[in-house]
Amino acid sequence: MSEKNIDLSIILPIFNPHEGWNIELSQSLLLISQALNTINYKFVIVNDGSVKNIDEEINVIKENIPNINYYSYEINKGKGNAIRYGMKCSLSEYYIYTDWDFPFGEKAVIDIYNSLKTSKYELIIGLRDKSYYLNLPYSRKVISKSVQMFNYVITGFKIKDTQAGLKGLNHNIKDIFLSTKTNGYIFELEFIRKCLKNKVPYSLIDVKAKEGIKFSTFKPITIFKEIKNVIKLLLIS
């Protein structure tokens, strides 16, 4: 199948996944495969320099689930870089990115695809509800709330929540995404700022955390790096 015939690429960055991750991922991919059985799609998995070797598990998953493109590099560069890498290696009509463990459930991905396909919007943004933050580790809650305050006070965004980690876009704005430079988690803020500047038509979709989802904790060095990224964005605005 030619990449030119792909309707949808689902980009999934992965970094040092917890034990049992391969079973969870397989279950999610199977559910989505069943829902998308009438279109041409690709799962684009990008290993962002995991310390543990996950290639063997990925090979087993690929044997059982079709339509997987897997990319890997040795040095961890950040979530923003991983998603740009996956998108750069893909050619399709629509793109959706989310975490490999589908923290907002598989149905949210299908809903975003259907919204992109049937509407005038070129960007669909996942918007987290209040219950999501109740389950977040403290360090992640600090970053999320700080970015929301930055959005509201500094940029005057109508979109307070830029960091859900679930977005859908069509091919028309792929180049805007690829023009981002931020490698860490704040890449979404940079992307949305560029979209607003270019008057990209967008819509918001409410999402809820999947029951039983395991959220990772940010290390102090990660928080420091993200603060630096926010300052950089502010300086270049």
C-alpha atoms as a PDB file:
ATOM      1  CA  MET A   1       0.000   0.000   0.000  1.00  0.00           C
ATOM      2  CA  SER A   2       1.414   3.373  -0.955  1.00  0.00           C
ATOM      3  CA  GLU A   3       1.840   5.996   1.759  1.00  0.00           C
ATOM      4  CA  LYS A   4      -0.017   8.366  -0.576  1.00  0.00           C
ATOM      5  CA  ASN A   5      -3.196   6.351   0.028  1.00  0.00           C
ATOM      6  CA  ILE A   6      -3.112   6.695   3.820  1.00  0.00           C
ATOM      7  CA  ASP A   7      -6.145   8.431   5.302  1.00  0.00           C
ATOM      8  CA  LEU A   8      -4.859   8.680   8.862  1.00  0.00           C
ATOM      9  CA  SER A   9      -1.535   8.431  10.701  1.00  0.00           C
ATOM     10  CA  ILE A  10      -1.750   7.929  14.475  1.00  0.00           C
ATOM     11  CA  ILE A  11       1.555   8.991  16.000  1.00  0.00           C
ATOM     12  CA  LEU A  12       2.530   7.410  19.315  1.00  0.00           C
ATOM     13  CA  PRO A  13       5.737   8.507  21.092  1.00  0.00           C
ATOM     14  CA  ILE A  14       7.103   6.061  23.653  1.00  0.00           C
ATOM     15  CA  PHE A  15       9.848   6.405  26.263  1.00  0.00           C
ATOM     16  CA  ASN A  16      10.806   3.899  28.980  1.00  0.00           C
ATOM     17  CA  PRO A  17       7.322   2.338  29.262  1.00  0.00           C
ATOM     18  CA  HIS A  18       6.299   0.555  32.454  1.00  0.00           C
ATOM     19  CA  GLU A  19       6.084  -3.218  32.806  1.00  0.00           C
ATOM     20  CA  GLY A  20       3.245  -4.741  30.824  1.00  0.00           C
ATOM     21  CA  TRP A  21       3.165  -1.849  28.361  1.00  0.00           C
ATOM     22  CA  ASN A  22       3.203  -4.148  25.336  1.00  0.00           C
ATOM     23  CA  ILE A  23      -0.021  -5.867  26.397  1.00  0.00           C
ATOM     24  CA  GLU A  24      -1.745  -2.530  27.000  1.00  0.00           C
ATOM     25  CA  LEU A  25      -0.580  -1.139  23.666  1.00  0.00           C
ATOM     26  CA  SER A  26      -1.659  -4.248  21.763  1.00  0.00           C
ATOM     27  CA  GLN A  27      -5.146  -4.078  23.253  1.00  0.00           C
ATOM     28  CA  SER A  28      -5.520  -0.416  22.324  1.00  0.00           C
ATOM     29  CA  LEU A  29      -4.244  -0.905  18.783  1.00  0.00           C
ATOM     30  CA  LEU A  30      -6.650  -3.796  18.238  1.00  0.00           C
ATOM     31  CA  LEU A  31      -9.615  -1.721  19.408  1.00  0.00           C
ATOM     32  CA  ILE A  32      -8.706   1.143  17.102  1.00  0.00           C
ATOM     33  CA  SER A  33      -8.005  -1.220  14.198  1.00  0.00           C
ATOM     34  CA  GLN A  34     -11.524  -2.615  14.524  1.00  0.00           C
ATOM     35  CA  ALA A  35     -13.033   0.875  14.540  1.00  0.00           C
ATOM     36  CA  LEU A  36     -10.997   2.014  11.517  1.00  0.00           C
ATOM     37  CA  ASN A  37     -11.430  -1.093   9.390  1.00  0.00           C
ATOM     38  CA  THR A  38     -13.014   0.872   6.532  1.00  0.00           C
ATOM     39  CA  ILE A  39     -10.099   3.288   5.985  1.00  0.00           C
ATOM     40  CA  ASN A  40      -6.370   3.137   5.275  1.00  0.00           C
ATOM     41  CA  TYR A  41      -4.422   4.043   8.405  1.00  0.00           C
ATOM     42  CA  LYS A  42      -1.010   3.707  10.014  1.00  0.00           C
ATOM     43  CA  PHE A  43       0.148   3.487  13.608  1.00  0.00           C
ATOM     44  CA  VAL A  44       3.433   5.397  13.767  1.00  0.00           C
ATOM     45  CA  ILE A  45       5.329   4.395  16.912  1.00  0.00           C
ATOM     46  CA  VAL A  46       8.423   6.451  17.761  1.00  0.00           C
ATOM     47  CA  ASN A  47      10.822   5.187  20.419  1.00  0.00           C
ATOM     48  CA  ASP A  48      12.293   8.363  21.872  1.00  0.00           C
ATOM     49  CA  GLY A  49      15.600   6.919  23.080  1.00  0.00           C
ATOM     50  CA  SER A  50      14.277   4.513  25.711  1.00  0.00           C
ATOM     51  CA  VAL A  51      16.957   3.172  28.043  1.00  0.00           C
ATOM     52  CA  LYS A  52      15.328  -0.251  28.027  1.00  0.00           C
ATOM     53  CA  ASN A  53      15.324  -2.180  24.754  1.00  0.00           C
ATOM     54  CA  ILE A  54      11.736  -2.445  23.525  1.00  0.00           C
ATOM     55  CA  ASP A  55      12.453  -3.644  19.987  1.00  0.00           C
ATOM     56  CA  GLU A  56      11.628  -7.286  20.727  1.00  0.00           C
ATOM     57  CA  GLU A  57       8.191  -6.444  22.128  1.00  0.00           C
ATOM     58  CA  ILE A  58       7.518  -4.129  19.200  1.00  0.00           C
ATOM     59  CA  ASN A  59       8.368  -6.899  16.736  1.00  0.00           C
ATOM     60  CA  VAL A  60       5.865  -9.216  18.423  1.00  0.00           C
ATOM     61  CA  ILE A  61       3.194  -6.508  18.277  1.00  0.00           C
ATOM     62  CA  LYS A  62       3.897  -5.952  14.576  1.00  0.00           C
ATOM     63  CA  GLU A  63       3.465  -9.663  13.898  1.00  0.00           C
ATOM     64  CA  ASN A  64      -0.047  -9.569  15.323  1.00  0.00           C
ATOM     65  CA  ILE A  65      -1.256  -6.112  14.329  1.00  0.00           C
ATOM     66  CA  PRO A  66      -0.963  -4.737  10.786  1.00  0.00           C
ATOM     67  CA  ASN A  67      -0.238  -1.189   9.671  1.00  0.00           C
ATOM     68  CA  ILE A  68       2.539  -0.311  12.133  1.00  0.00           C
ATOM     69  CA  ASN A  69       5.534   1.822  11.225  1.00  0.00           C
ATOM     70  CA  TYR A  70       8.193   1.773  13.942  1.00  0.00           C
ATOM     71  CA  TYR A  71      11.027   4.270  14.314  1.00  0.00           C
ATOM     72  CA  SER A  72      13.694   4.442  16.980  1.00  0.00           C
ATOM     73  CA  TYR A  73      16.721   6.538  17.866  1.00  0.00           C
ATOM     74  CA  GLU A  74      19.202   6.110  20.702  1.00  0.00           C
ATOM     75  CA  ILE A  75      19.219   9.493  22.488  1.00  0.00           C
ATOM     76  CA  ASN A  76      16.127  10.782  24.291  1.00  0.00           C
ATOM     77  CA  LYS A  77      15.198  14.131  22.731  1.00  0.00           C
ATOM     78  CA  GLY A  78      11.743  14.817  24.122  1.00  0.00           C
ATOM     79  CA  LYS A  79       8.113  14.268  23.228  1.00  0.00           C
ATOM     80  CA  GLY A  80       7.925  17.189  20.811  1.00  0.00           C
ATOM     81  CA  ASN A  81      10.844  15.869  18.797  1.00  0.00           C
ATOM     82  CA  ALA A  82       9.404  12.335  18.751  1.00  0.00           C
ATOM     83  CA  ILE A  83       6.060  13.461  17.346  1.00  0.00           C
ATOM     84  CA  ARG A  84       7.713  15.711  14.757  1.00  0.00           C
ATOM     85  CA  TYR A  85       9.890  12.768  13.743  1.00  0.00           C
ATOM     86  CA  GLY A  86       6.888  10.499  13.316  1.00  0.00           C
ATOM     87  CA  MET A  87       4.954  13.099  11.360  1.00  0.00           C
ATOM     88  CA  LYS A  88       7.934  13.846   9.143  1.00  0.00           C
ATOM     89  CA  CYS A  89       8.146  10.154   8.270  1.00  0.00           C
ATOM     90  CA  SER A  90       4.439   9.961   7.415  1.00  0.00           C
ATOM     91  CA  LEU A  91       2.306  11.084   4.521  1.00  0.00           C
ATOM     92  CA  SER A  92      -1.444  11.063   5.000  1.00  0.00           C
ATOM     93  CA  GLU A  93      -4.591  13.151   4.859  1.00  0.00           C
ATOM     94  CA  TYR A  94      -4.974  13.426   8.639  1.00  0.00           C
ATOM     95  CA  TYR A  95      -2.702  13.078  11.675  1.00  0.00           C
ATOM     96  CA  ILE A  96      -3.543  12.382  15.300  1.00  0.00           C
ATOM     97  CA  TYR A  97      -0.993  12.175  18.080  1.00  0.00           C
ATOM     98  CA  THR A  98      -1.418  10.924  21.623  1.00  0.00           C
ATOM     99  CA  ASP A  99       0.576   8.983  24.207  1.00  0.00           C
ATOM    100  CA  TRP A 100       1.168   5.288  23.567  1.00  0.00           C
ATOM    101  CA  ASP A 101      -1.082   4.316  26.516  1.00  0.00           C
ATOM    102  CA  PHE A 102      -4.039   6.315  25.143  1.00  0.00           C
ATOM    103  CA  PRO A 103      -4.668   8.243  28.394  1.00  0.00           C
ATOM    104  CA  PHE A 104      -8.014   9.550  27.129  1.00  0.00           C
ATOM    105  CA  GLY A 105      -9.175   6.244  25.733  1.00  0.00           C
ATOM    106  CA  GLU A 106      -9.326   4.849  22.241  1.00  0.00           C
ATOM    107  CA  LYS A 107     -12.737   6.343  21.437  1.00  0.00           C
ATOM    108  CA  ALA A 108     -11.332   9.878  21.741  1.00  0.00           C
ATOM    109  CA  VAL A 109      -8.986   9.143  18.835  1.00  0.00           C
ATOM    110  CA  ILE A 110     -11.878   7.918  16.685  1.00  0.00           C
ATOM    111  CA  ASP A 111     -13.977  10.952  17.634  1.00  0.00           C
ATOM    112  CA  ILE A 112     -11.194  13.333  16.601  1.00  0.00           C
ATOM    113  CA  TYR A 113     -10.743  11.579  13.270  1.00  0.00           C
ATOM    114  CA  ASN A 114     -14.474  11.758  12.533  1.00  0.00           C
ATOM    115  CA  SER A 115     -14.527  15.433  13.459  1.00  0.00           C
ATOM    116  CA  LEU A 116     -11.604  16.217  11.149  1.00  0.00           C
ATOM    117  CA  LYS A 117     -13.167  14.266   8.300  1.00  0.00           C
ATOM    118  CA  THR A 118     -16.645  15.781   8.529  1.00  0.00           C
ATOM    119  CA  SER A 119     -15.959  19.404   9.489  1.00  0.00           C
ATOM    120  CA  LYS A 120     -14.242  22.528   8.204  1.00  0.00           C
ATOM    121  CA  TYR A 121     -11.760  22.463  11.092  1.00  0.00           C
ATOM    122  CA  GLU A 122      -8.088  21.838  10.376  1.00  0.00           C
ATOM    123  CA  LEU A 123      -7.124  21.353  14.021  1.00  0.00           C
ATOM    124  CA  ILE A 124      -8.961  19.494  16.785  1.00  0.00           C
ATOM    125  CA  ILE A 125      -7.707  20.085  20.330  1.00  0.00           C
ATOM    126  CA  GLY A 126      -8.355  17.731  23.239  1.00  0.00           C
ATOM    127  CA  LEU A 127      -9.592  19.662  26.286  1.00  0.00           C
ATOM    128  CA  ARG A 128      -9.145  17.953  29.663  1.00  0.00           C
ATOM    129  CA  ASP A 129     -11.949  18.026  32.216  1.00  0.00           C
ATOM    130  CA  LYS A 130     -11.437  18.870  35.908  1.00  0.00           C
ATOM    131  CA  SER A 131     -11.373  15.232  37.016  1.00  0.00           C
ATOM    132  CA  TYR A 132      -8.197  14.666  34.984  1.00  0.00           C
ATOM    133  CA  TYR A 133      -6.148  16.811  37.354  1.00  0.00           C
ATOM    134  CA  LEU A 134      -7.262  14.867  40.430  1.00  0.00           C
ATOM    135  CA  ASN A 135      -5.197  11.881  39.291  1.00  0.00           C
ATOM    136  CA  LEU A 136      -2.082  13.768  38.191  1.00  0.00           C
ATOM    137  CA  PRO A 137       1.174  13.515  40.172  1.00  0.00           C
ATOM    138  CA  TYR A 138       1.975  16.813  41.864  1.00  0.00           C
ATOM    139  CA  SER A 139       4.880  17.688  39.548  1.00  0.00           C
ATOM    140  CA  ARG A 140       2.743  17.257  36.417  1.00  0.00           C
ATOM    141  CA  LYS A 141      -0.108  19.223  37.977  1.00  0.00           C
ATOM    142  CA  VAL A 142       2.269  22.124  38.669  1.00  0.00           C
ATOM    143  CA  ILE A 143       3.424  22.246  35.035  1.00  0.00           C
ATOM    144  CA  SER A 144      -0.107  21.913  33.633  1.00  0.00           C
ATOM    145  CA  LYS A 145      -1.559  24.646  35.817  1.00  0.00           C
ATOM    146  CA  SER A 146       1.446  26.921  35.280  1.00  0.00           C
ATOM    147  CA  VAL A 147       1.141  26.649  31.509  1.00  0.00           C
ATOM    148  CA  GLN A 148      -2.593  27.359  31.735  1.00  0.00           C
ATOM    149  CA  MET A 149      -1.860  30.520  33.722  1.00  0.00           C
ATOM    150  CA  PHE A 150       0.806  31.490  31.172  1.00  0.00           C
ATOM    151  CA  ASN A 151      -1.692  31.011  28.362  1.00  0.00           C
ATOM    152  CA  TYR A 152      -4.332  33.131  30.052  1.00  0.00           C
ATOM    153  CA  VAL A 153      -2.262  35.952  31.518  1.00  0.00           C
ATOM    154  CA  ILE A 154       0.609  36.347  29.056  1.00  0.00           C
ATOM    155  CA  THR A 155      -0.804  35.322  25.696  1.00  0.00           C
ATOM    156  CA  GLY A 156      -4.491  36.013  26.240  1.00  0.00           C
ATOM    157  CA  PHE A 157      -5.385  32.663  24.657  1.00  0.00           C
ATOM    158  CA  LYS A 158      -8.988  31.640  24.476  1.00  0.00           C
ATOM    159  CA  ILE A 159      -7.498  28.145  24.726  1.00  0.00           C
ATOM    160  CA  LYS A 160      -6.279  27.699  28.304  1.00  0.00           C
ATOM    161  CA  ASP A 161      -5.491  24.010  27.989  1.00  0.00           C
ATOM    162  CA  THR A 162      -2.864  23.503  25.295  1.00  0.00           C
ATOM    163  CA  GLN A 163      -1.134  20.515  26.903  1.00  0.00           C
ATOM    164  CA  ALA A 164      -3.588  17.607  26.785  1.00  0.00           C
ATOM    165  CA  GLY A 165      -1.296  15.616  24.490  1.00  0.00           C
ATOM    166  CA  LEU A 166      -4.141  14.715  22.131  1.00  0.00           C
ATOM    167  CA  LYS A 167      -4.496  16.682  18.894  1.00  0.00           C
ATOM    168  CA  GLY A 168      -5.719  16.013  15.387  1.00  0.00           C
ATOM    169  CA  LEU A 169      -4.766  17.974  12.282  1.00  0.00           C
ATOM    170  CA  ASN A 170      -5.124  17.729   8.540  1.00  0.00           C
ATOM    171  CA  HIS A 171      -2.342  17.801   5.963  1.00  0.00           C
ATOM    172  CA  ASN A 172      -2.857  21.522   5.306  1.00  0.00           C
ATOM    173  CA  ILE A 173      -1.187  22.483   8.583  1.00  0.00           C
ATOM    174  CA  LYS A 174       1.412  19.712   8.781  1.00  0.00           C
ATOM    175  CA  ASP A 175       4.149  22.179   7.850  1.00  0.00           C
ATOM    176  CA  ILE A 176       3.109  24.433  10.728  1.00  0.00           C
ATOM    177  CA  PHE A 177       3.603  21.550  13.128  1.00  0.00           C
ATOM    178  CA  LEU A 178       6.935  20.609  11.591  1.00  0.00           C
ATOM    179  CA  SER A 179       8.116  24.218  11.952  1.00  0.00           C
ATOM    180  CA  THR A 180       8.016  23.975  15.765  1.00  0.00           C
ATOM    181  CA  LYS A 181      11.369  23.827  17.534  1.00  0.00           C
ATOM    182  CA  THR A 182      10.481  22.863  21.100  1.00  0.00           C
ATOM    183  CA  ASN A 183      11.473  19.291  21.954  1.00  0.00           C
ATOM    184  CA  GLY A 184       9.855  18.982  25.389  1.00  0.00           C
ATOM    185  CA  TYR A 185       6.235  18.933  26.514  1.00  0.00           C
ATOM    186  CA  ILE A 186       5.709  22.632  25.793  1.00  0.00           C
ATOM    187  CA  PHE A 187       5.839  21.938  22.038  1.00  0.00           C
ATOM    188  CA  GLU A 188       2.037  21.983  22.033  1.00  0.00           C
ATOM    189  CA  LEU A 189       1.952  25.558  23.257  1.00  0.00           C
ATOM    190  CA  GLU A 190       4.311  26.577  20.458  1.00  0.00           C
ATOM    191  CA  PHE A 191       2.233  24.697  17.872  1.00  0.00           C
ATOM    192  CA  ILE A 192      -1.075  26.230  18.933  1.00  0.00           C
ATOM    193  CA  ARG A 193       0.437  29.726  19.012  1.00  0.00           C
ATOM    194  CA  LYS A 194       1.572  29.248  15.430  1.00  0.00           C
ATOM    195  CA  CYS A 195      -1.865  27.955  14.430  1.00  0.00           C
ATOM    196  CA  LEU A 196      -3.624  30.949  15.984  1.00  0.00           C
ATOM    197  CA  LYS A 197      -1.189  33.323  14.291  1.00  0.00           C
ATOM    198  CA  ASN A 198      -2.001  31.674  10.961  1.00  0.00           C
ATOM    199  CA  LYS A 199      -5.762  31.796  11.706  1.00  0.00           C
ATOM    200  CA  VAL A 200      -6.132  28.029  11.453  1.00  0.00           C
ATOM    201  CA  PRO A 201      -9.782  27.007  11.988  1.00  0.00           C
ATOM    202  CA  TYR A 202      -9.927  24.839  15.104  1.00  0.00           C
ATOM    203  CA  SER A 203     -12.359  23.128  17.434  1.00  0.00           C
ATOM    204  CA  LEU A 204     -12.168  21.816  20.995  1.00  0.00           C
ATOM    205  CA  ILE A 205     -13.260  18.355  22.082  1.00  0.00           C
ATOM    206  CA  ASP A 206     -13.775  17.392  25.734  1.00  0.00           C
ATOM    207  CA  VAL A 207     -11.741  14.384  26.893  1.00  0.00           C
ATOM    208  CA  LYS A 208     -11.573  12.446  30.149  1.00  0.00           C
ATOM    209  CA  ALA A 209      -8.751  10.375  31.590  1.00  0.00           C
ATOM    210  CA  LYS A 210      -9.112   6.650  30.949  1.00  0.00           C
ATOM    211  CA  GLU A 211      -9.921   4.671  34.060  1.00  0.00           C
ATOM    212  CA  GLY A 212      -6.829   3.080  35.587  1.00  0.00           C
ATOM    213  CA  ILE A 213      -4.353   5.133  33.552  1.00  0.00           C
ATOM    214  CA  LYS A 214      -0.889   5.408  35.134  1.00  0.00           C
ATOM    215  CA  PHE A 215       0.593   8.911  34.999  1.00  0.00           C
ATOM    216  CA  SER A 216       4.356   9.282  35.165  1.00  0.00           C
ATOM    217  CA  THR A 217       5.996  11.762  37.541  1.00  0.00           C
ATOM    218  CA  PHE A 218       8.131  14.596  36.199  1.00  0.00           C
ATOM    219  CA  LYS A 219      11.641  14.812  37.618  1.00  0.00           C
ATOM    220  CA  PRO A 220      12.919  18.220  38.836  1.00  0.00           C
ATOM    221  CA  ILE A 221      15.241  18.456  35.811  1.00  0.00           C
ATOM    222  CA  THR A 222      12.236  17.999  33.519  1.00  0.00           C
ATOM    223  CA  ILE A 223      10.325  20.784  35.258  1.00  0.00           C
ATOM    224  CA  PHE A 224      13.372  23.065  34.956  1.00  0.00           C
ATOM    225  CA  LYS A 225      13.680  22.320  31.236  1.00  0.00           C
ATOM    226  CA  GLU A 226      10.001  23.058  30.609  1.00  0.00           C
ATOM    227  CA  ILE A 227      10.242  26.375  32.467  1.00  0.00           C
ATOM    228  CA  LYS A 228      13.171  27.288  30.210  1.00  0.00           C
ATOM    229  CA  ASN A 229      11.113  26.333  27.152  1.00  0.00           C
ATOM    230  CA  VAL A 230       8.229  28.571  28.251  1.00  0.00           C
ATOM    231  CA  ILE A 231      10.643  31.483  28.747  1.00  0.00           C
ATOM    232  CA  LYS A 232      12.110  30.899  25.275  1.00  0.00           C
ATOM    233  CA  LEU A 233       8.642  30.982  23.732  1.00  0.00           C
ATOM    234  CA  LEU A 234       7.871  34.209  25.555  1.00  0.00           C
ATOM    235  CA  LEU A 235      11.081  35.845  24.351  1.00  0.00           C
ATOM    236  CA  ILE A 236      10.485  34.982  20.678  1.00  0.00           C
ATOM    237  CA  SER A 237       6.831  36.056  20.670  1.00  0.00           C
END
